[in-house]
Amino acid sequence: MANHKSSIKRIRQTESKKTENKYYAKTMRNAVKVLRSTSDKKEAGDMLPKVASMLDKLSKKNIIHRNKAANLKSSLTKHVQGLE
């Protein structure tokens, strides 16, 4: 167990940030999964900007890496373009 007040506080902060980051990452994964499973081009086209914005925000907060966000946005855009 931690002996210093600052280390106890750091443990509390880390735990709360970890749960928050897990929530946002899981929400992002679910949004990407829903977008990939969509076969309607109009619906997917409406969802794409929202998911891309979510990816940008998460990469800005360092929850996901910026290259991962770019790769996901690219692959999702290709998916939407390929729908008929």
N, C-alpha and C. Protein backbone atom coordinates (compact mmCIF):
# COMPACT_ATOMS: atom_id res chain seq x y z
N MET A 1 0.85 -1.18 0.00
CA MET A 1 0.00 0.00 0.00
C MET A 1 0.89 1.24 0.00
N ALA A 2 0.37 2.30 -0.61
CA ALA A 2 1.13 3.54 -0.72
C ALA A 2 1.26 4.22 0.64
N ASN A 3 2.37 4.87 0.87
CA ASN A 3 2.63 5.52 2.16
C ASN A 3 2.44 7.02 2.14
N HIS A 4 2.53 7.64 0.97
CA HIS A 4 2.45 9.09 0.88
C HIS A 4 1.06 9.51 0.43
N LYS A 5 0.65 10.69 0.91
CA LYS A 5 -0.66 11.20 0.51
C LYS A 5 -0.73 11.40 -0.99
N SER A 6 0.35 11.88 -1.58
CA SER A 6 0.34 12.16 -3.01
C SER A 6 0.21 10.87 -3.82
N SER A 7 0.84 9.80 -3.36
CA SER A 7 0.74 8.54 -4.09
C SER A 7 -0.65 7.92 -3.93
N ILE A 8 -1.27 8.11 -2.77
CA ILE A 8 -2.65 7.62 -2.59
C ILE A 8 -3.59 8.38 -3.51
N LYS A 9 -3.40 9.69 -3.58
CA LYS A 9 -4.23 10.50 -4.48
C LYS A 9 -3.99 10.10 -5.94
N ARG A 10 -2.75 9.85 -6.30
CA ARG A 10 -2.41 9.46 -7.66
C ARG A 10 -3.09 8.14 -8.03
N ILE A 11 -3.14 7.21 -7.08
CA ILE A 11 -3.82 5.93 -7.32
C ILE A 11 -5.30 6.16 -7.58
N ARG A 12 -5.92 7.03 -6.77
CA ARG A 12 -7.35 7.35 -6.97
C ARG A 12 -7.57 7.98 -8.34
N GLN A 13 -6.73 8.93 -8.71
CA GLN A 13 -6.89 9.61 -10.00
C GLN A 13 -6.71 8.64 -11.16
N THR A 14 -5.72 7.78 -11.05
CA THR A 14 -5.45 6.83 -12.11
C THR A 14 -6.63 5.89 -12.31
N GLU A 15 -7.21 5.43 -11.20
CA GLU A 15 -8.34 4.50 -11.28
C GLU A 15 -9.54 5.16 -11.95
N SER A 16 -9.84 6.41 -11.59
CA SER A 16 -10.99 7.08 -12.17
C SER A 16 -10.75 7.37 -13.65
N LYS A 17 -9.53 7.77 -14.01
CA LYS A 17 -9.22 8.02 -15.42
C LYS A 17 -9.30 6.73 -16.23
N LYS A 18 -8.85 5.62 -15.63
CA LYS A 18 -8.86 4.34 -16.32
C LYS A 18 -10.29 3.92 -16.66
N THR A 19 -11.21 4.07 -15.71
CA THR A 19 -12.59 3.69 -15.98
C THR A 19 -13.22 4.60 -17.03
N GLU A 20 -12.89 5.88 -16.97
CA GLU A 20 -13.41 6.83 -17.96
C GLU A 20 -12.88 6.50 -19.35
N ASN A 21 -11.59 6.22 -19.45
CA ASN A 21 -10.99 5.90 -20.74
C ASN A 21 -11.54 4.60 -21.30
N LYS A 22 -11.77 3.59 -20.43
CA LYS A 22 -12.35 2.33 -20.88
C LYS A 22 -13.75 2.55 -21.45
N TYR A 23 -14.52 3.42 -20.81
CA TYR A 23 -15.87 3.72 -21.28
C TYR A 23 -15.83 4.35 -22.68
N TYR A 24 -14.99 5.35 -22.85
CA TYR A 24 -14.91 6.03 -24.15
C TYR A 24 -14.38 5.11 -25.23
N ALA A 25 -13.40 4.28 -24.91
CA ALA A 25 -12.84 3.36 -25.90
C ALA A 25 -13.88 2.33 -26.31
N LYS A 26 -14.65 1.81 -25.36
CA LYS A 26 -15.68 0.82 -25.67
C LYS A 26 -16.79 1.45 -26.50
N THR A 27 -17.18 2.68 -26.17
CA THR A 27 -18.19 3.40 -26.94
C THR A 27 -17.73 3.59 -28.37
N MET A 28 -16.46 3.93 -28.54
CA MET A 28 -15.89 4.11 -29.88
C MET A 28 -15.92 2.80 -30.66
N ARG A 29 -15.51 1.70 -30.02
CA ARG A 29 -15.50 0.41 -30.69
C ARG A 29 -16.91 0.00 -31.11
N ASN A 30 -17.90 0.26 -30.26
CA ASN A 30 -19.28 -0.06 -30.61
C ASN A 30 -19.77 0.77 -31.79
N ALA A 31 -19.42 2.05 -31.81
CA ALA A 31 -19.83 2.93 -32.91
C ALA A 31 -19.21 2.46 -34.23
N VAL A 32 -17.93 2.07 -34.18
CA VAL A 32 -17.25 1.58 -35.38
C VAL A 32 -17.91 0.28 -35.85
N LYS A 33 -18.25 -0.59 -34.91
CA LYS A 33 -18.87 -1.87 -35.25
C LYS A 33 -20.24 -1.65 -35.91
N VAL A 34 -21.02 -0.72 -35.37
CA VAL A 34 -22.34 -0.42 -35.94
C VAL A 34 -22.19 0.15 -37.34
N LEU A 35 -21.22 1.04 -37.53
CA LEU A 35 -21.01 1.64 -38.85
C LEU A 35 -20.58 0.59 -39.86
N ARG A 36 -19.69 -0.32 -39.44
CA ARG A 36 -19.23 -1.37 -40.36
C ARG A 36 -20.35 -2.33 -40.72
N SER A 37 -21.28 -2.57 -39.81
CA SER A 37 -22.35 -3.52 -40.09
C SER A 37 -23.49 -2.90 -40.89
N THR A 38 -23.47 -1.59 -41.05
CA THR A 38 -24.52 -0.91 -41.82
C THR A 38 -24.33 -1.16 -43.30
N SER A 39 -25.42 -1.53 -43.96
CA SER A 39 -25.34 -1.77 -45.41
C SER A 39 -26.05 -0.68 -46.21
N ASP A 40 -26.76 0.23 -45.54
CA ASP A 40 -27.44 1.32 -46.21
C ASP A 40 -26.48 2.50 -46.36
N LYS A 41 -26.27 2.94 -47.61
CA LYS A 41 -25.27 3.98 -47.87
C LYS A 41 -25.65 5.31 -47.24
N LYS A 42 -26.93 5.68 -47.31
CA LYS A 42 -27.36 6.96 -46.75
C LYS A 42 -27.18 6.98 -45.23
N GLU A 43 -27.58 5.92 -44.58
CA GLU A 43 -27.45 5.84 -43.12
C GLU A 43 -25.97 5.85 -42.71
N ALA A 44 -25.15 5.10 -43.44
CA ALA A 44 -23.73 5.06 -43.14
C ALA A 44 -23.08 6.42 -43.38
N GLY A 45 -23.53 7.11 -44.43
CA GLY A 45 -23.01 8.44 -44.72
C GLY A 45 -23.34 9.44 -43.64
N ASP A 46 -24.51 9.27 -43.01
CA ASP A 46 -24.89 10.15 -41.90
C ASP A 46 -24.08 9.84 -40.64
N MET A 47 -23.74 8.57 -40.44
CA MET A 47 -23.03 8.16 -39.24
C MET A 47 -21.54 8.48 -39.32
N LEU A 48 -20.97 8.48 -40.53
CA LEU A 48 -19.53 8.62 -40.69
C LEU A 48 -18.96 9.89 -40.05
N PRO A 49 -19.54 11.08 -40.26
CA PRO A 49 -18.95 12.28 -39.63
C PRO A 49 -18.97 12.22 -38.10
N LYS A 50 -20.01 11.61 -37.53
CA LYS A 50 -20.09 11.52 -36.07
C LYS A 50 -19.01 10.60 -35.53
N VAL A 51 -18.80 9.47 -36.20
CA VAL A 51 -17.79 8.52 -35.75
C VAL A 51 -16.39 9.12 -35.96
N ALA A 52 -16.18 9.80 -37.08
CA ALA A 52 -14.89 10.43 -37.34
C ALA A 52 -14.59 11.50 -36.29
N SER A 53 -15.60 12.26 -35.92
CA SER A 53 -15.42 13.28 -34.90
C SER A 53 -15.07 12.63 -33.55
N MET A 54 -15.74 11.52 -33.24
CA MET A 54 -15.44 10.81 -32.00
C MET A 54 -14.00 10.31 -32.00
N LEU A 55 -13.55 9.77 -33.13
CA LEU A 55 -12.17 9.29 -33.22
C LEU A 55 -11.17 10.42 -33.04
N ASP A 56 -11.46 11.57 -33.65
CA ASP A 56 -10.57 12.72 -33.51
C ASP A 56 -10.47 13.19 -32.05
N LYS A 57 -11.61 13.24 -31.38
CA LYS A 57 -11.61 13.69 -29.99
C LYS A 57 -10.84 12.72 -29.11
N LEU A 58 -11.02 11.41 -29.34
CA LEU A 58 -10.32 10.43 -28.52
C LEU A 58 -8.82 10.45 -28.78
N SER A 59 -8.43 10.68 -30.02
CA SER A 59 -6.99 10.75 -30.29
C SER A 59 -6.39 12.03 -29.70
N LYS A 60 -7.17 13.10 -29.67
CA LYS A 60 -6.70 14.35 -29.08
C LYS A 60 -6.48 14.19 -27.57
N LYS A 61 -7.33 13.38 -26.93
CA LYS A 61 -7.20 13.12 -25.49
C LYS A 61 -6.22 11.99 -25.18
N ASN A 62 -5.58 11.44 -26.20
CA ASN A 62 -4.63 10.33 -26.05
C ASN A 62 -5.26 9.06 -25.50
N ILE A 63 -6.54 8.86 -25.78
CA ILE A 63 -7.18 7.61 -25.39
C ILE A 63 -6.86 6.55 -26.43
N ILE A 64 -6.83 6.96 -27.71
CA ILE A 64 -6.31 6.08 -28.76
C ILE A 64 -5.21 6.84 -29.49
N HIS A 65 -4.34 6.11 -30.14
CA HIS A 65 -3.22 6.72 -30.85
C HIS A 65 -3.74 7.44 -32.09
N ARG A 66 -3.07 8.52 -32.47
CA ARG A 66 -3.53 9.31 -33.61
C ARG A 66 -3.47 8.53 -34.91
N ASN A 67 -2.49 7.64 -35.05
CA ASN A 67 -2.41 6.84 -36.26
C ASN A 67 -3.54 5.82 -36.32
N LYS A 68 -3.92 5.27 -35.19
CA LYS A 68 -5.04 4.34 -35.15
C LYS A 68 -6.31 5.06 -35.56
N ALA A 69 -6.50 6.29 -35.08
CA ALA A 69 -7.68 7.06 -35.45
C ALA A 69 -7.68 7.33 -36.96
N ALA A 70 -6.53 7.67 -37.51
CA ALA A 70 -6.44 7.95 -38.94
C ALA A 70 -6.73 6.69 -39.75
N ASN A 71 -6.18 5.55 -39.31
CA ASN A 71 -6.42 4.30 -40.03
C ASN A 71 -7.89 3.89 -39.97
N LEU A 72 -8.51 4.06 -38.82
CA LEU A 72 -9.93 3.72 -38.70
C LEU A 72 -10.79 4.63 -39.58
N LYS A 73 -10.50 5.93 -39.56
CA LYS A 73 -11.27 6.86 -40.39
C LYS A 73 -11.12 6.52 -41.86
N SER A 74 -9.91 6.18 -42.27
CA SER A 74 -9.67 5.83 -43.66
C SER A 74 -10.43 4.58 -44.07
N SER A 75 -10.35 3.53 -43.24
CA SER A 75 -11.02 2.28 -43.59
C SER A 75 -12.54 2.43 -43.56
N LEU A 76 -13.06 3.23 -42.62
CA LEU A 76 -14.50 3.45 -42.56
C LEU A 76 -14.98 4.26 -43.76
N THR A 77 -14.18 5.23 -44.18
CA THR A 77 -14.55 6.02 -45.36
C THR A 77 -14.58 5.14 -46.60
N LYS A 78 -13.59 4.26 -46.75
CA LYS A 78 -13.59 3.32 -47.87
C LYS A 78 -14.80 2.42 -47.82
N HIS A 79 -15.17 1.98 -46.63
CA HIS A 79 -16.35 1.11 -46.48
C HIS A 79 -17.61 1.83 -46.95
N VAL A 80 -17.78 3.08 -46.51
CA VAL A 80 -18.97 3.84 -46.88
C VAL A 80 -18.98 4.12 -48.38
N GLN A 81 -17.82 4.43 -48.96
CA GLN A 81 -17.73 4.69 -50.40
C GLN A 81 -18.08 3.44 -51.21
N GLY A 82 -17.77 2.28 -50.68
CA GLY A 82 -18.01 1.04 -51.40
C GLY A 82 -19.43 0.54 -51.33
N LEU A 83 -20.24 1.12 -50.46
CA LEU A 83 -21.64 0.68 -50.35
C LEU A 83 -22.44 1.14 -51.56
N GLU A 84 -23.48 0.38 -51.84
CA GLU A 84 -24.35 0.74 -52.98
C GLU A 84 -25.74 1.03 -52.53
